[in-house]
């Protein structure tokens, strides 16, 4: 089982802490590289888009969607 890593991040000029497993932090970094933006910009954008749930859950779902979409065949 992976341990949880807590990181501080700035969102819209405010500091917040986010706790995720290391694998999700790596997935977020890859997604940020793919979009050619910083990790902070990615997290801020995902925070602005989320409608329900907490930020950690929204970030996990974004990583899941990124990997799912990369591996599904295009129809």
PDB file of N, CA and C in Angstrom:
ATOM      1  N   UNK A   1       0.838  -1.181   0.000  1.00  0.00           N
ATOM      2  CA  UNK A   1       0.000   0.000   0.000  1.00  0.00           C
ATOM      3  C   UNK A   1       0.885   1.247   0.000  1.00  0.00           C
ATOM      4  N   UNK A   2       0.556   2.189  -0.817  1.00  0.00           N
ATOM      5  CA  UNK A   2       1.329   3.426  -0.923  1.00  0.00           C
ATOM      6  C   UNK A   2       1.007   4.358   0.231  1.00  0.00           C
ATOM      7  N   UNK A   3       2.016   5.065   0.657  1.00  0.00           N
ATOM      8  CA  UNK A   3       1.759   6.063   1.683  1.00  0.00           C
ATOM      9  C   UNK A   3       1.249   7.338   1.020  1.00  0.00           C
ATOM     10  N   UNK A   4       0.604   8.152   1.791  1.00  0.00           N
ATOM     11  CA  UNK A   4       0.051   9.408   1.301  1.00  0.00           C
ATOM     12  C   UNK A   4       1.108  10.504   1.447  1.00  0.00           C
ATOM     13  N   UNK A   5       1.284  11.298   0.399  1.00  0.00           N
ATOM     14  CA  UNK A   5       2.188  12.442   0.442  1.00  0.00           C
ATOM     15  C   UNK A   5       1.365  13.720   0.450  1.00  0.00           C
ATOM     16  N   UNK A   6       1.654  14.566   1.405  1.00  0.00           N
ATOM     17  CA  UNK A   6       0.959  15.851   1.508  1.00  0.00           C
ATOM     18  C   UNK A   6       1.861  16.925   0.924  1.00  0.00           C
ATOM     19  N   UNK A   7       1.319  17.714   0.014  1.00  0.00           N
ATOM     20  CA  UNK A   7       2.072  18.803  -0.610  1.00  0.00           C
ATOM     21  C   UNK A   7       1.278  20.094  -0.525  1.00  0.00           C
ATOM     22  N   UNK A   8       2.018  21.170  -0.380  1.00  0.00           N
ATOM     23  CA  UNK A   8       1.392  22.496  -0.393  1.00  0.00           C
ATOM     24  C   UNK A   8       1.427  23.035  -1.808  1.00  0.00           C
ATOM     25  N   UNK A   9       0.353  23.681  -2.202  1.00  0.00           N
ATOM     26  CA  UNK A   9       0.254  24.194  -3.566  1.00  0.00           C
ATOM     27  C   UNK A   9      -0.532  25.502  -3.529  1.00  0.00           C
ATOM     28  N   UNK A  10      -0.190  26.409  -4.432  1.00  0.00           N
ATOM     29  CA  UNK A  10      -0.894  27.692  -4.523  1.00  0.00           C
ATOM     30  C   UNK A  10      -2.003  27.588  -5.561  1.00  0.00           C
ATOM     31  N   UNK A  11      -3.200  27.982  -5.161  1.00  0.00           N
ATOM     32  CA  UNK A  11      -4.351  28.014  -6.063  1.00  0.00           C
ATOM     33  C   UNK A  11      -4.977  29.393  -5.942  1.00  0.00           C
ATOM     34  N   UNK A  12      -4.971  30.114  -7.036  1.00  0.00           N
ATOM     35  CA  UNK A  12      -5.548  31.461  -7.075  1.00  0.00           C
ATOM     36  C   UNK A  12      -4.998  32.338  -5.951  1.00  0.00           C
ATOM     37  N   UNK A  13      -3.698  32.237  -5.722  1.00  0.00           N
ATOM     38  CA  UNK A  13      -3.042  33.071  -4.730  1.00  0.00           C
ATOM     39  C   UNK A  13      -3.186  32.615  -3.293  1.00  0.00           C
ATOM     40  N   UNK A  14      -3.821  31.473  -3.090  1.00  0.00           N
ATOM     41  CA  UNK A  14      -4.014  30.947  -1.746  1.00  0.00           C
ATOM     42  C   UNK A  14      -3.328  29.598  -1.620  1.00  0.00           C
ATOM     43  N   UNK A  15      -2.642  29.384  -0.517  1.00  0.00           N
ATOM     44  CA  UNK A  15      -1.994  28.107  -0.281  1.00  0.00           C
ATOM     45  C   UNK A  15      -2.986  27.084   0.239  1.00  0.00           C
ATOM     46  N   UNK A  16      -2.844  25.865  -0.210  1.00  0.00           N
ATOM     47  CA  UNK A  16      -3.655  24.760   0.277  1.00  0.00           C
ATOM     48  C   UNK A  16      -2.791  23.511   0.306  1.00  0.00           C
ATOM     49  N   UNK A  17      -3.194  22.528   1.057  1.00  0.00           N
ATOM     50  CA  UNK A  17      -2.481  21.254   1.122  1.00  0.00           C
ATOM     51  C   UNK A  17      -3.318  20.195   0.441  1.00  0.00           C
ATOM     52  N   UNK A  18      -2.636  19.334  -0.295  1.00  0.00           N
ATOM     53  CA  UNK A  18      -3.300  18.238  -0.986  1.00  0.00           C
ATOM     54  C   UNK A  18      -2.579  16.956  -0.623  1.00  0.00           C
ATOM     55  N   UNK A  19      -3.338  15.931  -0.257  1.00  0.00           N
ATOM     56  CA  UNK A  19      -2.774  14.634   0.110  1.00  0.00           C
ATOM     57  C   UNK A  19      -3.147  13.598  -0.941  1.00  0.00           C
ATOM     58  N   UNK A  20      -2.112  13.009  -1.555  1.00  0.00           N
ATOM     59  CA  UNK A  20      -2.312  11.986  -2.582  1.00  0.00           C
ATOM     60  C   UNK A  20      -1.214  10.926  -2.470  1.00  0.00           C
ATOM     61  N   UNK A  21      -1.480   9.769  -3.030  1.00  0.00           N
ATOM     62  CA  UNK A  21      -0.468   8.732  -3.135  1.00  0.00           C
ATOM     63  C   UNK A  21       0.596   9.170  -4.143  1.00  0.00           C
ATOM     64  N   UNK A  22       1.838   8.704  -3.982  1.00  0.00           N
ATOM     65  CA  UNK A  22       2.911   9.110  -4.904  1.00  0.00           C
ATOM     66  C   UNK A  22       2.584   8.822  -6.370  1.00  0.00           C
ATOM     67  N   UNK A  23       1.876   7.734  -6.641  1.00  0.00           N
ATOM     68  CA  UNK A  23       1.525   7.393  -8.018  1.00  0.00           C
ATOM     69  C   UNK A  23       0.618   8.451  -8.642  1.00  0.00           C
ATOM     70  N   UNK A  24      -0.265   9.021  -7.863  1.00  0.00           N
ATOM     71  CA  UNK A  24      -1.135  10.075  -8.387  1.00  0.00           C
ATOM     72  C   UNK A  24      -0.363  11.376  -8.594  1.00  0.00           C
ATOM     73  N   UNK A  25       0.601  11.671  -7.713  1.00  0.00           N
ATOM     74  CA  UNK A  25       1.439  12.856  -7.944  1.00  0.00           C
ATOM     75  C   UNK A  25       2.201  12.700  -9.255  1.00  0.00           C
ATOM     76  N   UNK A  26       2.728  11.502  -9.505  1.00  0.00           N
ATOM     77  CA  UNK A  26       3.449  11.262 -10.766  1.00  0.00           C
ATOM     78  C   UNK A  26       2.514  11.388 -11.963  1.00  0.00           C
ATOM     79  N   UNK A  27       1.302  10.863 -11.839  1.00  0.00           N
ATOM     80  CA  UNK A  27       0.322  10.993 -12.917  1.00  0.00           C
ATOM     81  C   UNK A  27      -0.029  12.447 -13.193  1.00  0.00           C
ATOM     82  N   UNK A  28      -0.172  13.243 -12.138  1.00  0.00           N
ATOM     83  CA  UNK A  28      -0.457  14.666 -12.324  1.00  0.00           C
ATOM     84  C   UNK A  28       0.698  15.373 -13.009  1.00  0.00           C
ATOM     85  N   UNK A  29       1.922  15.032 -12.637  1.00  0.00           N
ATOM     86  CA  UNK A  29       3.089  15.636 -13.285  1.00  0.00           C
ATOM     87  C   UNK A  29       3.119  15.290 -14.771  1.00  0.00           C
ATOM     88  N   UNK A  30       2.800  14.036 -15.097  1.00  0.00           N
ATOM     89  CA  UNK A  30       2.778  13.634 -16.507  1.00  0.00           C
ATOM     90  C   UNK A  30       1.676  14.371 -17.261  1.00  0.00           C
ATOM     91  N   UNK A  31       0.513  14.500 -16.645  1.00  0.00           N
ATOM     92  CA  UNK A  31      -0.588  15.223 -17.275  1.00  0.00           C
ATOM     93  C   UNK A  31      -0.221  16.688 -17.497  1.00  0.00           C
ATOM     94  N   UNK A  32       0.442  17.302 -16.526  1.00  0.00           N
ATOM     95  CA  UNK A  32       0.879  18.698 -16.673  1.00  0.00           C
ATOM     96  C   UNK A  32       1.883  18.822 -17.822  1.00  0.00           C
ATOM     97  N   UNK A  33       2.826  17.877 -17.913  1.00  0.00           N
ATOM     98  CA  UNK A  33       3.799  17.893 -19.029  1.00  0.00           C
ATOM     99  C   UNK A  33       3.078  17.748 -20.363  1.00  0.00           C
ATOM    100  N   UNK A  34       2.105  16.845 -20.398  1.00  0.00           N
ATOM    101  CA  UNK A  34       1.338  16.615 -21.627  1.00  0.00           C
ATOM    102  C   UNK A  34       0.623  17.896 -22.064  1.00  0.00           C
ATOM    103  N   UNK A  35       0.086  18.635 -21.113  1.00  0.00           N
ATOM    104  CA  UNK A  35      -0.623  19.883 -21.418  1.00  0.00           C
ATOM    105  C   UNK A  35       0.326  21.083 -21.526  1.00  0.00           C
ATOM    106  N   UNK A  36       1.582  20.854 -21.219  1.00  0.00           N
ATOM    107  CA  UNK A  36       2.622  21.895 -21.266  1.00  0.00           C
ATOM    108  C   UNK A  36       2.294  23.064 -20.338  1.00  0.00           C
ATOM    109  N   UNK A  37       1.913  22.712 -19.116  1.00  0.00           N
ATOM    110  CA  UNK A  37       1.648  23.700 -18.072  1.00  0.00           C
ATOM    111  C   UNK A  37       2.308  23.219 -16.783  1.00  0.00           C
ATOM    112  N   UNK A  38       2.381  24.100 -15.815  1.00  0.00           N
ATOM    113  CA  UNK A  38       2.976  23.709 -14.540  1.00  0.00           C
ATOM    114  C   UNK A  38       1.985  22.867 -13.738  1.00  0.00           C
ATOM    115  N   UNK A  39       2.515  22.156 -12.766  1.00  0.00           N
ATOM    116  CA  UNK A  39       1.667  21.366 -11.885  1.00  0.00           C
ATOM    117  C   UNK A  39       0.680  22.275 -11.157  1.00  0.00           C
ATOM    118  N   UNK A  40       1.148  23.424 -10.704  1.00  0.00           N
ATOM    119  CA  UNK A  40       0.264  24.370 -10.008  1.00  0.00           C
ATOM    120  C   UNK A  40      -0.866  24.847 -10.924  1.00  0.00           C
ATOM    121  N   UNK A  41      -0.554  25.115 -12.188  1.00  0.00           N
ATOM    122  CA  UNK A  41      -1.598  25.538 -13.135  1.00  0.00           C
ATOM    123  C   UNK A  41      -2.608  24.420 -13.362  1.00  0.00           C
ATOM    124  N   UNK A  42      -2.120  23.206 -13.469  1.00  0.00           N
ATOM    125  CA  UNK A  42      -3.010  22.060 -13.668  1.00  0.00           C
ATOM    126  C   UNK A  42      -3.951  21.915 -12.484  1.00  0.00           C
ATOM    127  N   UNK A  43      -3.399  21.925 -11.279  1.00  0.00           N
ATOM    128  CA  UNK A  43      -4.223  21.759 -10.081  1.00  0.00           C
ATOM    129  C   UNK A  43      -5.233  22.899  -9.965  1.00  0.00           C
ATOM    130  N   UNK A  44      -4.810  24.119 -10.233  1.00  0.00           N
ATOM    131  CA  UNK A  44      -5.727  25.257 -10.162  1.00  0.00           C
ATOM    132  C   UNK A  44      -6.863  25.105 -11.172  1.00  0.00           C
ATOM    133  N   UNK A  45      -6.551  24.678 -12.381  1.00  0.00           N
ATOM    134  CA  UNK A  45      -7.578  24.474 -13.401  1.00  0.00           C
ATOM    135  C   UNK A  45      -8.554  23.376 -13.025  1.00  0.00           C
ATOM    136  N   UNK A  46      -8.032  22.271 -12.499  1.00  0.00           N
ATOM    137  CA  UNK A  46      -8.908  21.176 -12.089  1.00  0.00           C
ATOM    138  C   UNK A  46      -9.767  21.582 -10.897  1.00  0.00           C
ATOM    139  N   UNK A  47      -9.198  22.381 -10.006  1.00  0.00           N
ATOM    140  CA  UNK A  47      -9.966  22.882  -8.868  1.00  0.00           C
ATOM    141  C   UNK A  47     -11.116  23.765  -9.356  1.00  0.00           C
ATOM    142  N   UNK A  48     -10.846  24.618 -10.319  1.00  0.00           N
ATOM    143  CA  UNK A  48     -11.883  25.517 -10.844  1.00  0.00           C
ATOM    144  C   UNK A  48     -12.993  24.754 -11.562  1.00  0.00           C
ATOM    145  N   UNK A  49     -12.651  23.623 -12.181  1.00  0.00           N
ATOM    146  CA  UNK A  49     -13.623  22.838 -12.950  1.00  0.00           C
ATOM    147  C   UNK A  49     -14.484  21.922 -12.096  1.00  0.00           C
ATOM    148  N   UNK A  50     -13.996  21.534 -10.933  1.00  0.00           N
ATOM    149  CA  UNK A  50     -14.720  20.525 -10.143  1.00  0.00           C
ATOM    150  C   UNK A  50     -16.035  21.082  -9.638  1.00  0.00           C
ATOM    151  N   UNK A  51     -17.005  20.184  -9.583  1.00  0.00           N
ATOM    152  CA  UNK A  51     -18.338  20.597  -9.158  1.00  0.00           C
ATOM    153  C   UNK A  51     -18.677  20.032  -7.787  1.00  0.00           C
ATOM    154  N   UNK A  52     -18.241  18.843  -7.515  1.00  0.00           N
ATOM    155  CA  UNK A  52     -18.531  18.189  -6.246  1.00  0.00           C
ATOM    156  C   UNK A  52     -17.262  17.521  -5.727  1.00  0.00           C
ATOM    157  N   UNK A  53     -17.298  17.125  -4.498  1.00  0.00           N
ATOM    158  CA  UNK A  53     -16.193  16.371  -3.928  1.00  0.00           C
ATOM    159  C   UNK A  53     -15.042  17.257  -3.525  1.00  0.00           C
ATOM    160  N   UNK A  54     -14.045  16.627  -2.956  1.00  0.00           N
ATOM    161  CA  UNK A  54     -12.879  17.385  -2.515  1.00  0.00           C
ATOM    162  C   UNK A  54     -11.815  17.421  -3.605  1.00  0.00           C
ATOM    163  N   UNK A  55     -10.832  18.254  -3.406  1.00  0.00           N
ATOM    164  CA  UNK A  55      -9.797  18.451  -4.413  1.00  0.00           C
ATOM    165  C   UNK A  55      -8.994  17.181  -4.659  1.00  0.00           C
ATOM    166  N   UNK A  56      -8.639  16.469  -3.612  1.00  0.00           N
ATOM    167  CA  UNK A  56      -7.870  15.229  -3.791  1.00  0.00           C
ATOM    168  C   UNK A  56      -8.614  14.245  -4.690  1.00  0.00           C
ATOM    169  N   UNK A  57      -9.913  14.113  -4.480  1.00  0.00           N
ATOM    170  CA  UNK A  57     -10.706  13.214  -5.324  1.00  0.00           C
ATOM    171  C   UNK A  57     -10.738  13.696  -6.768  1.00  0.00           C
ATOM    172  N   UNK A  58     -10.887  14.988  -6.968  1.00  0.00           N
ATOM    173  CA  UNK A  58     -10.908  15.545  -8.320  1.00  0.00           C
ATOM    174  C   UNK A  58      -9.582  15.291  -9.034  1.00  0.00           C
ATOM    175  N   UNK A  59      -8.477  15.395  -8.307  1.00  0.00           N
ATOM    176  CA  UNK A  59      -7.172  15.149  -8.918  1.00  0.00           C
ATOM    177  C   UNK A  59      -6.997  13.685  -9.274  1.00  0.00           C
ATOM    178  N   UNK A  60      -7.432  12.795  -8.398  1.00  0.00           N
ATOM    179  CA  UNK A  60      -7.348  11.359  -8.701  1.00  0.00           C
ATOM    180  C   UNK A  60      -8.179  11.028  -9.941  1.00  0.00           C
ATOM    181  N   UNK A  61      -9.372  11.588 -10.028  1.00  0.00           N
ATOM    182  CA  UNK A  61     -10.234  11.329 -11.188  1.00  0.00           C
ATOM    183  C   UNK A  61      -9.629  11.879 -12.475  1.00  0.00           C
ATOM    184  N   UNK A  62      -8.943  13.010 -12.393  1.00  0.00           N
ATOM    185  CA  UNK A  62      -8.288  13.578 -13.579  1.00  0.00           C
ATOM    186  C   UNK A  62      -7.172  12.661 -14.067  1.00  0.00           C
ATOM    187  N   UNK A  63      -6.408  12.106 -13.153  1.00  0.00           N
ATOM    188  CA  UNK A  63      -5.340  11.173 -13.538  1.00  0.00           C
ATOM    189  C   UNK A  63      -5.946   9.923 -14.151  1.00  0.00           C
ATOM    190  N   UNK A  64      -6.980   9.401 -13.529  1.00  0.00           N
ATOM    191  CA  UNK A  64      -7.653   8.220 -14.061  1.00  0.00           C
ATOM    192  C   UNK A  64      -8.160   8.482 -15.479  1.00  0.00           C
ATOM    193  N   UNK A  65      -8.810   9.602 -15.694  1.00  0.00           N
ATOM    194  CA  UNK A  65      -9.337   9.943 -17.021  1.00  0.00           C
ATOM    195  C   UNK A  65      -8.212  10.083 -18.038  1.00  0.00           C
ATOM    196  N   UNK A  66      -7.107  10.688 -17.631  1.00  0.00           N
ATOM    197  CA  UNK A  66      -5.969  10.867 -18.538  1.00  0.00           C
ATOM    198  C   UNK A  66      -5.442   9.523 -19.032  1.00  0.00           C
ATOM    199  N   UNK A  67      -5.217   8.610 -18.112  1.00  0.00           N
ATOM    200  CA  UNK A  67      -4.696   7.296 -18.515  1.00  0.00           C
ATOM    201  C   UNK A  67      -5.748   6.477 -19.253  1.00  0.00           C
ATOM    202  N   UNK A  68      -6.994   6.568 -18.834  1.00  0.00           N
ATOM    203  CA  UNK A  68      -8.063   5.833 -19.522  1.00  0.00           C
ATOM    204  C   UNK A  68      -8.181   6.308 -20.962  1.00  0.00           C
ATOM    205  N   UNK A  69      -8.197   7.617 -21.160  1.00  0.00           N
ATOM    206  CA  UNK A  69      -8.361   8.177 -22.499  1.00  0.00           C
ATOM    207  C   UNK A  69      -7.169   7.879 -23.399  1.00  0.00           C
ATOM    208  N   UNK A  70      -5.987   7.775 -22.822  1.00  0.00           N
ATOM    209  CA  UNK A  70      -4.789   7.460 -23.614  1.00  0.00           C
ATOM    210  C   UNK A  70      -4.825   6.045 -24.153  1.00  0.00           C
ATOM    211  N   UNK A  71      -5.510   5.153 -23.455  1.00  0.00           N
ATOM    212  CA  UNK A  71      -5.453   3.735 -23.816  1.00  0.00           C
ATOM    213  C   UNK A  71      -6.712   3.206 -24.481  1.00  0.00           C
ATOM    214  N   UNK A  72      -7.739   4.023 -24.577  1.00  0.00           N
ATOM    215  CA  UNK A  72      -8.938   3.580 -25.272  1.00  0.00           C
ATOM    216  C   UNK A  72      -8.786   3.830 -26.766  1.00  0.00           C
ATOM    217  N   UNK A  73      -9.217   2.897 -27.593  1.00  0.00           N
ATOM    218  CA  UNK A  73      -9.145   3.123 -29.037  1.00  0.00           C
ATOM    219  C   UNK A  73     -10.081   4.249 -29.462  1.00  0.00           C
ATOM    220  N   UNK A  74      -9.663   5.012 -30.429  1.00  0.00           N
ATOM    221  CA  UNK A  74     -10.500   6.086 -30.978  1.00  0.00           C
ATOM    222  C   UNK A  74     -11.518   5.481 -31.929  1.00  0.00           C
ATOM    223  N   UNK A  75     -12.762   5.883 -31.802  1.00  0.00           N
ATOM    224  CA  UNK A  75     -13.818   5.366 -32.692  1.00  0.00           C
ATOM    225  C   UNK A  75     -14.160   6.380 -33.743  1.00  0.00           C
TER     226      UNK A  75
END
